[in-house]
Amino acid sequence: MRLPYPVARILCAIAEAAAREMGVPMAIALADEEGSLQFFARMKGALPASSEIACSKAFTAASLRMPTDEVGRLARSDGVLSGIQNTHGGRIILFGGGFPLSFHGEVVGAIGISGGTVEQDMRAVEPVIQAFVEMERWSEHFSSVLTFSLRDMGWTHNLERSLALALEKEGMPVDWLELQILIGGVVLAVCGN
């Protein structure tokens, strides 16, 4: 399975919220399972160089199936990946901020964030990874009750509103992040079957 576009958009919004909370404008890239760019956003004020770095972090994490900081450790002069940064046209990144996204144990995409310090970039990714894990958990619940395909119904633009109204009607209001996680769970349930 490839990371569904609506989920990539949601994950980007979660990363942007984390960056805003830190007060650091960032570039956020989501790649598919092969490292090709799938979704990109650059916040106002983010350094221009952060765009290419974020894309390269997502590429590295997806194509090597590991976080970029781990690639950096393995690429030291005595490491098993020594010199890898000189391959792929220099797109391999050796510092933190890129993470693969796995669904049912298989890499389906990756995220790369750049614009702050390495620590800030990695901190902005944390809520994204946590949300994606929760989306996977919810997708398992939803896949057992969704017996039809939503792909052909033009559903993505109405899903958020419909889900929020249904939960509110049941007296279960949810905050924005929880709602995004539920939407991602539905999308993964539909696309993962």
N, C-alpha and C. Protein backbone atom coordinates (compact mmCIF):
# COMPACT_ATOMS: atom_id res chain seq x y z
N MET A 1 0.84 -1.18 0.00
CA MET A 1 0.00 0.00 0.00
C MET A 1 0.89 1.25 0.00
N ARG A 2 0.43 2.26 -0.66
CA ARG A 2 1.09 3.56 -0.69
C ARG A 2 0.38 4.48 0.29
N LEU A 3 1.11 5.38 0.92
CA LEU A 3 0.52 6.35 1.84
C LEU A 3 -0.57 7.13 1.10
N PRO A 4 -1.82 7.03 1.54
CA PRO A 4 -2.90 7.74 0.84
C PRO A 4 -2.72 9.26 0.94
N TYR A 5 -3.03 9.95 -0.14
CA TYR A 5 -2.89 11.40 -0.18
C TYR A 5 -3.62 12.10 0.96
N PRO A 6 -4.89 11.75 1.27
CA PRO A 6 -5.55 12.46 2.37
C PRO A 6 -4.82 12.28 3.71
N VAL A 7 -4.20 11.12 3.91
CA VAL A 7 -3.44 10.90 5.15
C VAL A 7 -2.17 11.74 5.13
N ALA A 8 -1.51 11.83 3.98
CA ALA A 8 -0.31 12.67 3.87
C ALA A 8 -0.65 14.12 4.21
N ARG A 9 -1.78 14.61 3.72
CA ARG A 9 -2.21 15.98 3.99
C ARG A 9 -2.47 16.18 5.49
N ILE A 10 -3.10 15.21 6.12
CA ILE A 10 -3.37 15.31 7.56
C ILE A 10 -2.07 15.30 8.35
N LEU A 11 -1.15 14.41 7.99
CA LEU A 11 0.13 14.33 8.71
C LEU A 11 0.91 15.63 8.57
N CYS A 12 0.83 16.24 7.41
CA CYS A 12 1.50 17.53 7.20
C CYS A 12 0.89 18.59 8.12
N ALA A 13 -0.43 18.61 8.24
CA ALA A 13 -1.10 19.58 9.11
C ALA A 13 -0.69 19.38 10.56
N ILE A 14 -0.52 18.13 10.97
CA ILE A 14 -0.09 17.84 12.35
C ILE A 14 1.34 18.36 12.56
N ALA A 15 2.21 18.15 11.58
CA ALA A 15 3.58 18.65 11.67
C ALA A 15 3.60 20.17 11.72
N GLU A 16 2.77 20.81 10.89
CA GLU A 16 2.70 22.28 10.91
C GLU A 16 2.25 22.78 12.27
N ALA A 17 1.28 22.12 12.88
CA ALA A 17 0.80 22.53 14.21
C ALA A 17 1.93 22.43 15.23
N ALA A 18 2.73 21.37 15.15
CA ALA A 18 3.87 21.21 16.07
C ALA A 18 4.90 22.30 15.85
N ALA A 19 5.16 22.64 14.58
CA ALA A 19 6.13 23.69 14.27
C ALA A 19 5.64 25.04 14.77
N ARG A 20 4.35 25.33 14.57
CA ARG A 20 3.78 26.59 15.06
C ARG A 20 3.88 26.67 16.58
N GLU A 21 3.62 25.56 17.25
CA GLU A 21 3.70 25.53 18.71
C GLU A 21 5.12 25.86 19.18
N MET A 22 6.12 25.41 18.44
CA MET A 22 7.51 25.72 18.78
C MET A 22 7.91 27.11 18.32
N GLY A 23 7.12 27.70 17.43
CA GLY A 23 7.46 29.01 16.89
C GLY A 23 8.56 28.96 15.85
N VAL A 24 8.66 27.82 15.15
CA VAL A 24 9.72 27.63 14.16
C VAL A 24 9.08 27.30 12.81
N PRO A 25 9.20 28.18 11.81
CA PRO A 25 8.66 27.87 10.49
C PRO A 25 9.48 26.76 9.84
N MET A 26 8.78 25.78 9.28
CA MET A 26 9.45 24.60 8.74
C MET A 26 8.91 24.23 7.36
N ALA A 27 9.69 23.43 6.67
CA ALA A 27 9.26 22.78 5.43
C ALA A 27 8.96 21.33 5.78
N ILE A 28 7.87 20.81 5.22
CA ILE A 28 7.42 19.46 5.53
C ILE A 28 7.18 18.71 4.23
N ALA A 29 7.83 17.57 4.10
CA ALA A 29 7.68 16.76 2.89
C ALA A 29 7.23 15.36 3.26
N LEU A 30 6.29 14.84 2.51
CA LEU A 30 5.87 13.46 2.66
C LEU A 30 6.13 12.75 1.35
N ALA A 31 6.74 11.59 1.45
CA ALA A 31 7.10 10.80 0.28
C ALA A 31 6.33 9.49 0.30
N ASP A 32 6.21 8.87 -0.88
CA ASP A 32 5.60 7.56 -0.94
C ASP A 32 6.63 6.51 -0.52
N GLU A 33 6.28 5.26 -0.63
CA GLU A 33 7.14 4.18 -0.15
C GLU A 33 8.47 4.07 -0.89
N GLU A 34 8.56 4.66 -2.06
CA GLU A 34 9.81 4.63 -2.84
C GLU A 34 10.63 5.90 -2.67
N GLY A 35 10.09 6.89 -1.97
CA GLY A 35 10.81 8.13 -1.74
C GLY A 35 10.42 9.26 -2.66
N SER A 36 9.44 9.04 -3.55
CA SER A 36 8.98 10.11 -4.44
C SER A 36 8.08 11.07 -3.66
N LEU A 37 8.26 12.36 -3.89
CA LEU A 37 7.49 13.37 -3.18
C LEU A 37 6.01 13.19 -3.44
N GLN A 38 5.22 13.18 -2.37
CA GLN A 38 3.78 13.03 -2.47
C GLN A 38 3.04 14.27 -1.98
N PHE A 39 3.59 14.95 -0.98
CA PHE A 39 2.93 16.14 -0.44
C PHE A 39 4.02 17.03 0.14
N PHE A 40 3.87 18.34 -0.06
CA PHE A 40 4.88 19.27 0.44
C PHE A 40 4.23 20.57 0.88
N ALA A 41 4.75 21.14 1.97
CA ALA A 41 4.33 22.46 2.42
C ALA A 41 5.53 23.17 3.02
N ARG A 42 5.62 24.45 2.77
CA ARG A 42 6.66 25.27 3.38
C ARG A 42 5.98 26.45 4.07
N MET A 43 6.15 26.52 5.36
CA MET A 43 5.53 27.57 6.15
C MET A 43 6.18 28.91 5.85
N LYS A 44 5.40 29.97 5.97
CA LYS A 44 5.94 31.31 5.75
C LYS A 44 7.09 31.55 6.73
N GLY A 45 8.21 32.00 6.19
CA GLY A 45 9.37 32.29 7.02
C GLY A 45 10.37 31.15 7.11
N ALA A 46 10.02 29.99 6.58
CA ALA A 46 10.97 28.87 6.60
C ALA A 46 12.14 29.19 5.67
N LEU A 47 13.32 28.79 6.06
CA LEU A 47 14.49 29.02 5.22
C LEU A 47 14.31 28.36 3.86
N PRO A 48 14.67 29.02 2.78
CA PRO A 48 14.54 28.41 1.45
C PRO A 48 15.25 27.06 1.34
N ALA A 49 16.41 26.93 1.96
CA ALA A 49 17.15 25.66 1.88
C ALA A 49 16.40 24.51 2.55
N SER A 50 15.50 24.85 3.47
CA SER A 50 14.78 23.79 4.18
C SER A 50 13.87 22.99 3.26
N SER A 51 13.44 23.56 2.15
CA SER A 51 12.57 22.83 1.21
C SER A 51 13.25 21.59 0.67
N GLU A 52 14.42 21.77 0.09
CA GLU A 52 15.14 20.62 -0.49
C GLU A 52 15.59 19.65 0.60
N ILE A 53 15.99 20.18 1.75
CA ILE A 53 16.44 19.31 2.84
C ILE A 53 15.29 18.44 3.33
N ALA A 54 14.10 19.02 3.50
CA ALA A 54 12.94 18.23 3.94
C ALA A 54 12.61 17.12 2.94
N CYS A 55 12.62 17.46 1.65
CA CYS A 55 12.34 16.46 0.61
C CYS A 55 13.39 15.35 0.63
N SER A 56 14.65 15.72 0.82
CA SER A 56 15.71 14.72 0.86
C SER A 56 15.62 13.85 2.11
N LYS A 57 15.20 14.44 3.23
CA LYS A 57 15.01 13.63 4.44
C LYS A 57 13.92 12.59 4.23
N ALA A 58 12.80 13.00 3.61
CA ALA A 58 11.72 12.04 3.33
C ALA A 58 12.20 10.96 2.37
N PHE A 59 12.94 11.36 1.33
CA PHE A 59 13.48 10.39 0.38
C PHE A 59 14.39 9.38 1.08
N THR A 60 15.29 9.88 1.91
CA THR A 60 16.24 9.01 2.62
C THR A 60 15.51 8.01 3.50
N ALA A 61 14.57 8.51 4.30
CA ALA A 61 13.84 7.64 5.24
C ALA A 61 13.03 6.57 4.51
N ALA A 62 12.40 6.95 3.40
CA ALA A 62 11.59 5.98 2.64
C ALA A 62 12.47 4.98 1.91
N SER A 63 13.47 5.46 1.20
CA SER A 63 14.26 4.56 0.37
C SER A 63 15.19 3.65 1.16
N LEU A 64 15.62 4.10 2.33
CA LEU A 64 16.49 3.26 3.16
C LEU A 64 15.74 2.59 4.31
N ARG A 65 14.45 2.93 4.45
CA ARG A 65 13.59 2.28 5.44
C ARG A 65 14.07 2.48 6.88
N MET A 66 14.63 3.67 7.15
CA MET A 66 15.09 3.97 8.51
C MET A 66 15.14 5.48 8.71
N PRO A 67 15.09 5.90 9.98
CA PRO A 67 15.20 7.34 10.27
C PRO A 67 16.55 7.88 9.80
N THR A 68 16.55 9.15 9.40
CA THR A 68 17.78 9.74 8.87
C THR A 68 18.89 9.85 9.92
N ASP A 69 18.53 10.02 11.19
CA ASP A 69 19.59 10.07 12.20
C ASP A 69 20.27 8.71 12.35
N GLU A 70 19.52 7.64 12.14
CA GLU A 70 20.12 6.30 12.16
C GLU A 70 21.04 6.09 10.96
N VAL A 71 20.62 6.60 9.79
CA VAL A 71 21.48 6.54 8.61
C VAL A 71 22.79 7.25 8.91
N GLY A 72 22.71 8.40 9.57
CA GLY A 72 23.91 9.16 9.93
C GLY A 72 24.86 8.36 10.80
N ARG A 73 24.32 7.65 11.78
CA ARG A 73 25.17 6.81 12.65
C ARG A 73 25.85 5.71 11.85
N LEU A 74 25.10 5.11 10.94
CA LEU A 74 25.66 4.00 10.14
C LEU A 74 26.61 4.48 9.04
N ALA A 75 26.56 5.78 8.71
CA ALA A 75 27.39 6.33 7.64
C ALA A 75 28.70 6.93 8.13
N ARG A 76 28.97 6.82 9.42
CA ARG A 76 30.26 7.31 9.91
C ARG A 76 31.39 6.57 9.19
N SER A 77 32.58 7.11 9.26
CA SER A 77 33.70 6.55 8.50
C SER A 77 33.94 5.07 8.79
N ASP A 78 33.60 4.59 9.99
CA ASP A 78 33.79 3.18 10.30
C ASP A 78 32.47 2.40 10.23
N GLY A 79 31.42 3.02 9.74
CA GLY A 79 30.10 2.40 9.70
C GLY A 79 29.85 1.60 8.44
N VAL A 80 28.81 0.76 8.50
CA VAL A 80 28.47 -0.12 7.37
C VAL A 80 27.93 0.65 6.17
N LEU A 81 27.50 1.89 6.36
CA LEU A 81 27.00 2.70 5.24
C LEU A 81 27.93 3.87 4.92
N SER A 82 29.17 3.76 5.33
CA SER A 82 30.14 4.82 5.07
C SER A 82 30.15 5.19 3.59
N GLY A 83 29.98 6.48 3.30
CA GLY A 83 30.00 6.97 1.92
C GLY A 83 28.66 7.03 1.24
N ILE A 84 27.60 6.53 1.89
CA ILE A 84 26.29 6.49 1.23
C ILE A 84 25.79 7.88 0.86
N GLN A 85 26.21 8.91 1.59
CA GLN A 85 25.77 10.27 1.29
C GLN A 85 26.24 10.75 -0.08
N ASN A 86 27.17 10.03 -0.68
CA ASN A 86 27.68 10.39 -2.00
C ASN A 86 26.91 9.71 -3.12
N THR A 87 25.89 8.95 -2.77
CA THR A 87 25.07 8.27 -3.77
C THR A 87 23.77 9.05 -3.99
N HIS A 88 22.99 8.67 -4.95
CA HIS A 88 21.67 9.24 -5.22
C HIS A 88 21.72 10.76 -5.41
N GLY A 89 22.75 11.23 -6.07
CA GLY A 89 22.84 12.66 -6.38
C GLY A 89 22.92 13.54 -5.15
N GLY A 90 23.45 13.01 -4.06
CA GLY A 90 23.58 13.79 -2.83
C GLY A 90 22.28 13.93 -2.05
N ARG A 91 21.26 13.15 -2.38
CA ARG A 91 19.96 13.27 -1.70
C ARG A 91 19.89 12.53 -0.37
N ILE A 92 20.91 11.78 -0.03
CA ILE A 92 20.90 11.04 1.24
C ILE A 92 21.30 11.98 2.37
N ILE A 93 20.44 12.09 3.36
CA ILE A 93 20.65 12.99 4.50
C ILE A 93 21.10 12.17 5.70
N LEU A 94 22.09 12.69 6.43
CA LEU A 94 22.70 11.96 7.55
C LEU A 94 22.36 12.55 8.92
N PHE A 95 21.39 13.43 9.00
CA PHE A 95 21.02 13.99 10.31
C PHE A 95 19.50 13.90 10.47
N GLY A 96 19.05 14.03 11.69
CA GLY A 96 17.66 13.78 12.05
C GLY A 96 16.63 14.68 11.41
N GLY A 97 15.40 14.15 11.36
CA GLY A 97 14.26 14.88 10.83
C GLY A 97 13.51 14.13 9.76
N GLY A 98 14.00 12.95 9.38
CA GLY A 98 13.30 12.11 8.40
C GLY A 98 12.96 10.76 9.03
N PHE A 99 11.71 10.32 8.87
CA PHE A 99 11.26 9.07 9.48
C PHE A 99 10.38 8.29 8.51
N PRO A 100 10.58 6.99 8.41
CA PRO A 100 9.67 6.18 7.60
C PRO A 100 8.33 6.01 8.31
N LEU A 101 7.29 5.79 7.55
CA LEU A 101 5.95 5.55 8.08
C LEU A 101 5.55 4.12 7.70
N SER A 102 5.31 3.30 8.70
CA SER A 102 4.96 1.89 8.46
C SER A 102 3.51 1.62 8.79
N PHE A 103 2.90 0.81 7.94
CA PHE A 103 1.51 0.38 8.12
C PHE A 103 1.51 -1.14 8.05
N HIS A 104 1.07 -1.78 9.10
CA HIS A 104 1.11 -3.25 9.21
C HIS A 104 2.52 -3.79 8.95
N GLY A 105 3.53 -3.08 9.48
CA GLY A 105 4.90 -3.53 9.38
C GLY A 105 5.59 -3.25 8.06
N GLU A 106 4.92 -2.60 7.14
CA GLU A 106 5.49 -2.32 5.82
C GLU A 106 5.60 -0.81 5.62
N VAL A 107 6.75 -0.33 5.15
CA VAL A 107 6.93 1.09 4.91
C VAL A 107 6.03 1.51 3.75
N VAL A 108 5.17 2.51 4.02
CA VAL A 108 4.24 3.00 3.01
C VAL A 108 4.56 4.44 2.61
N GLY A 109 5.52 5.04 3.30
CA GLY A 109 5.90 6.41 3.02
C GLY A 109 6.88 6.91 4.04
N ALA A 110 7.13 8.21 4.02
CA ALA A 110 8.07 8.81 4.97
C ALA A 110 7.79 10.30 5.07
N ILE A 111 8.24 10.88 6.16
CA ILE A 111 8.13 12.32 6.36
C ILE A 111 9.52 12.90 6.59
N GLY A 112 9.72 14.09 6.06
CA GLY A 112 10.95 14.84 6.28
C GLY A 112 10.60 16.25 6.69
N ILE A 113 11.22 16.72 7.76
CA ILE A 113 10.96 18.08 8.26
C ILE A 113 12.29 18.80 8.41
N SER A 114 12.30 20.07 7.97
CA SER A 114 13.50 20.88 8.08
C SER A 114 13.11 22.33 8.32
N GLY A 115 13.95 23.03 9.04
CA GLY A 115 13.71 24.45 9.27
C GLY A 115 14.22 24.92 10.61
N GLY A 116 14.27 24.01 11.56
CA GLY A 116 14.79 24.34 12.88
C GLY A 116 16.13 23.66 13.09
N THR A 117 16.51 23.54 14.35
CA THR A 117 17.68 22.72 14.65
C THR A 117 17.29 21.26 14.39
N VAL A 118 18.26 20.39 14.36
CA VAL A 118 17.95 18.96 14.17
C VAL A 118 17.01 18.49 15.27
N GLU A 119 17.25 18.92 16.49
CA GLU A 119 16.39 18.52 17.62
C GLU A 119 14.97 19.02 17.42
N GLN A 120 14.81 20.25 16.94
CA GLN A 120 13.47 20.80 16.70
C GLN A 120 12.77 20.05 15.56
N ASP A 121 13.52 19.75 14.51
CA ASP A 121 12.94 19.00 13.40
C ASP A 121 12.44 17.64 13.88
N MET A 122 13.25 16.97 14.70
CA MET A 122 12.86 15.66 15.21
C MET A 122 11.68 15.77 16.18
N ARG A 123 11.63 16.84 16.95
CA ARG A 123 10.53 17.05 17.88
C ARG A 123 9.22 17.30 17.11
N ALA A 124 9.30 17.98 15.98
CA ALA A 124 8.10 18.24 15.17
C ALA A 124 7.56 16.96 14.53
N VAL A 125 8.43 15.98 14.35
CA VAL A 125 8.00 14.72 13.75
C VAL A 125 7.29 13.82 14.77
N GLU A 126 7.62 13.95 16.04
CA GLU A 126 7.06 13.05 17.06
C GLU A 126 5.55 12.95 17.04
N PRO A 127 4.80 14.08 17.04
CA PRO A 127 3.34 13.93 17.02
C PRO A 127 2.82 13.30 15.72
N VAL A 128 3.55 13.46 14.64
CA VAL A 128 3.16 12.84 13.37
C VAL A 128 3.25 11.32 13.48
N ILE A 129 4.37 10.84 14.01
CA ILE A 129 4.56 9.39 14.16
C ILE A 129 3.51 8.83 15.12
N GLN A 130 3.28 9.52 16.23
CA GLN A 130 2.26 9.06 17.19
C GLN A 130 0.88 9.03 16.55
N ALA A 131 0.54 10.05 15.78
CA ALA A 131 -0.76 10.10 15.12
C ALA A 131 -0.91 8.98 14.10
N PHE A 132 0.17 8.70 13.36
CA PHE A 132 0.09 7.64 12.35
C PHE A 132 -0.11 6.27 13.01
N VAL A 133 0.53 6.05 14.13
CA VAL A 133 0.33 4.80 14.88
C VAL A 133 -1.13 4.69 15.33
N GLU A 134 -1.68 5.80 15.81
CA GLU A 134 -3.09 5.81 16.22
C GLU A 134 -4.02 5.60 15.03
N MET A 135 -3.68 6.19 13.88
CA MET A 135 -4.48 5.98 12.67
C MET A 135 -4.51 4.50 12.29
N GLU A 136 -3.36 3.86 12.39
CA GLU A 136 -3.30 2.43 12.07
C GLU A 136 -4.20 1.64 13.01
N ARG A 137 -4.16 1.99 14.29
CA ARG A 137 -4.99 1.30 15.28
C ARG A 137 -6.47 1.49 14.95
N TRP A 138 -6.86 2.73 14.63
CA TRP A 138 -8.25 2.99 14.29
C TRP A 138 -8.64 2.30 12.99
N SER A 139 -7.72 2.23 12.04
CA SER A 139 -8.05 1.60 10.75
C SER A 139 -8.44 0.14 10.95
N GLU A 140 -7.83 -0.52 11.92
CA GLU A 140 -8.18 -1.91 12.21
C GLU A 140 -9.61 -2.01 12.70
N HIS A 141 -10.06 -1.05 13.50
CA HIS A 141 -11.45 -1.02 13.97
C HIS A 141 -12.41 -0.72 12.82
N PHE A 142 -12.06 0.30 12.03
CA PHE A 142 -12.95 0.71 10.95
C PHE A 142 -13.04 -0.33 9.83
N SER A 143 -11.94 -1.01 9.53
CA SER A 143 -11.96 -1.95 8.40
C SER A 143 -12.94 -3.09 8.63
N SER A 144 -13.21 -3.42 9.89
CA SER A 144 -14.15 -4.50 10.15
C SER A 144 -15.61 -4.07 9.95
N VAL A 145 -15.88 -2.77 9.95
CA VAL A 145 -17.26 -2.32 9.78
C VAL A 145 -17.50 -1.63 8.44
N LEU A 146 -16.46 -1.25 7.73
CA LEU A 146 -16.64 -0.63 6.42
C LEU A 146 -16.73 -1.73 5.37
N THR A 147 -17.89 -1.88 4.81
CA THR A 147 -18.10 -2.96 3.84
C THR A 147 -18.23 -2.45 2.42
N PHE A 148 -17.92 -1.20 2.19
CA PHE A 148 -18.03 -0.62 0.86
C PHE A 148 -16.82 0.27 0.61
N SER A 149 -16.59 0.57 -0.63
CA SER A 149 -15.47 1.44 -0.99
C SER A 149 -15.95 2.89 -1.03
N LEU A 150 -15.24 3.75 -0.35
CA LEU A 150 -15.57 5.18 -0.34
C LEU A 150 -14.85 5.94 -1.45
N ARG A 151 -13.97 5.28 -2.15
CA ARG A 151 -13.13 5.97 -3.12
C ARG A 151 -13.92 6.68 -4.21
N ASP A 152 -15.03 6.11 -4.64
CA ASP A 152 -15.76 6.66 -5.78
C ASP A 152 -16.88 7.61 -5.37
N MET A 153 -16.96 7.96 -4.12
CA MET A 153 -18.10 8.74 -3.65
C MET A 153 -17.77 10.21 -3.39
N GLY A 154 -16.57 10.69 -3.75
CA GLY A 154 -16.20 12.07 -3.48
C GLY A 154 -16.27 12.40 -2.00
N TRP A 155 -15.80 11.52 -1.21
CA TRP A 155 -16.03 11.53 0.23
C TRP A 155 -15.02 12.33 1.02
N THR A 156 -13.84 12.57 0.51
CA THR A 156 -12.79 13.16 1.35
C THR A 156 -13.14 14.55 1.85
N HIS A 157 -13.82 15.35 1.05
CA HIS A 157 -14.13 16.72 1.49
C HIS A 157 -15.26 16.75 2.52
N ASN A 158 -16.07 15.72 2.61
CA ASN A 158 -17.17 15.69 3.57
C ASN A 158 -16.89 14.87 4.81
N LEU A 159 -15.85 14.07 4.78
CA LEU A 159 -15.60 13.13 5.88
C LEU A 159 -15.38 13.84 7.21
N GLU A 160 -14.55 14.86 7.23
CA GLU A 160 -14.24 15.55 8.49
C GLU A 160 -15.50 16.14 9.12
N ARG A 161 -16.28 16.84 8.32
CA ARG A 161 -17.51 17.45 8.84
C ARG A 161 -18.50 16.39 9.31
N SER A 162 -18.69 15.35 8.53
CA SER A 162 -19.65 14.29 8.89
C SER A 162 -19.24 13.58 10.16
N LEU A 163 -17.98 13.26 10.28
CA LEU A 163 -17.50 12.57 11.47
C LEU A 163 -17.63 13.45 12.71
N ALA A 164 -17.28 14.72 12.58
CA ALA A 164 -17.40 15.65 13.71
C ALA A 164 -18.85 15.78 14.15
N LEU A 165 -19.77 15.90 13.20
CA LEU A 165 -21.19 16.02 13.54
C LEU A 165 -21.72 14.75 14.20
N ALA A 166 -21.32 13.59 13.69
CA ALA A 166 -21.77 12.32 14.27
C ALA A 166 -21.27 12.16 15.70
N LEU A 167 -20.03 12.50 15.94
CA LEU A 167 -19.48 12.39 17.29
C LEU A 167 -20.14 13.39 18.23
N GLU A 168 -20.36 14.62 17.74
CA GLU A 168 -21.00 15.64 18.56
C GLU A 168 -22.43 15.22 18.92
N LYS A 169 -23.14 14.64 17.96
CA LYS A 169 -24.51 14.17 18.19
C LYS A 169 -24.55 13.11 19.29
N GLU A 170 -23.50 12.32 19.37
CA GLU A 170 -23.42 11.28 20.40
C GLU A 170 -22.84 11.80 21.71
N GLY A 171 -22.61 13.12 21.77
CA GLY A 171 -22.06 13.70 22.99
C GLY A 171 -20.58 13.41 23.17
N MET A 172 -19.89 13.18 22.07
CA MET A 172 -18.47 12.84 22.12
C MET A 172 -17.65 13.84 21.31
N PRO A 173 -17.64 15.11 21.71
CA PRO A 173 -16.84 16.07 20.95
C PRO A 173 -15.35 15.72 21.04
N VAL A 174 -14.67 15.90 19.94
CA VAL A 174 -13.24 15.60 19.90
C VAL A 174 -12.49 16.84 19.46
N ASP A 175 -11.24 16.93 19.87
CA ASP A 175 -10.45 18.07 19.42
C ASP A 175 -9.92 17.81 18.01
N TRP A 176 -9.31 18.83 17.44
CA TRP A 176 -8.86 18.77 16.05
C TRP A 176 -7.93 17.58 15.79
N LEU A 177 -6.94 17.37 16.65
CA LEU A 177 -5.98 16.29 16.43
C LEU A 177 -6.67 14.93 16.49
N GLU A 178 -7.54 14.73 17.47
CA GLU A 178 -8.25 13.45 17.55
C GLU A 178 -9.10 13.21 16.30
N LEU A 179 -9.74 14.27 15.81
CA LEU A 179 -10.55 14.15 14.60
C LEU A 179 -9.69 13.78 13.40
N GLN A 180 -8.51 14.39 13.29
CA GLN A 180 -7.61 14.07 12.17
C GLN A 180 -7.16 12.61 12.24
N ILE A 181 -6.89 12.13 13.44
CA ILE A 181 -6.47 10.73 13.62
C ILE A 181 -7.60 9.79 13.19
N LEU A 182 -8.84 10.10 13.57
CA LEU A 182 -9.97 9.26 13.18
C LEU A 182 -10.15 9.26 11.67
N ILE A 183 -10.04 10.43 11.05
CA ILE A 183 -10.17 10.52 9.59
C ILE A 183 -9.07 9.69 8.93
N GLY A 184 -7.84 9.82 9.43
CA GLY A 184 -6.74 9.02 8.88
C GLY A 184 -7.00 7.53 9.05
N GLY A 185 -7.58 7.13 10.17
CA GLY A 185 -7.92 5.73 10.39
C GLY A 185 -8.93 5.22 9.39
N VAL A 186 -9.94 6.05 9.07
CA VAL A 186 -10.93 5.66 8.07
C VAL A 186 -10.27 5.51 6.71
N VAL A 187 -9.46 6.49 6.33
CA VAL A 187 -8.79 6.44 5.02
C VAL A 187 -7.89 5.21 4.92
N LEU A 188 -7.12 4.94 5.97
CA LEU A 188 -6.25 3.76 5.94
C LEU A 188 -7.06 2.48 5.88
N ALA A 189 -8.21 2.43 6.56
CA ALA A 189 -9.05 1.24 6.52
C ALA A 189 -9.57 1.00 5.10
N VAL A 190 -9.97 2.07 4.44
CA VAL A 190 -10.50 1.95 3.08
C VAL A 190 -9.39 1.58 2.09
N CYS A 191 -8.28 2.28 2.18
CA CYS A 191 -7.19 2.08 1.21
C CYS A 191 -6.35 0.84 1.51
N GLY A 192 -6.35 0.41 2.77
CA GLY A 192 -5.53 -0.75 3.16
C GLY A 192 -6.17 -2.08 2.88
N ASN A 193 -7.44 -2.09 2.48
CA ASN A 193 -8.14 -3.36 2.19
C ASN A 193 -8.06 -3.72 0.73
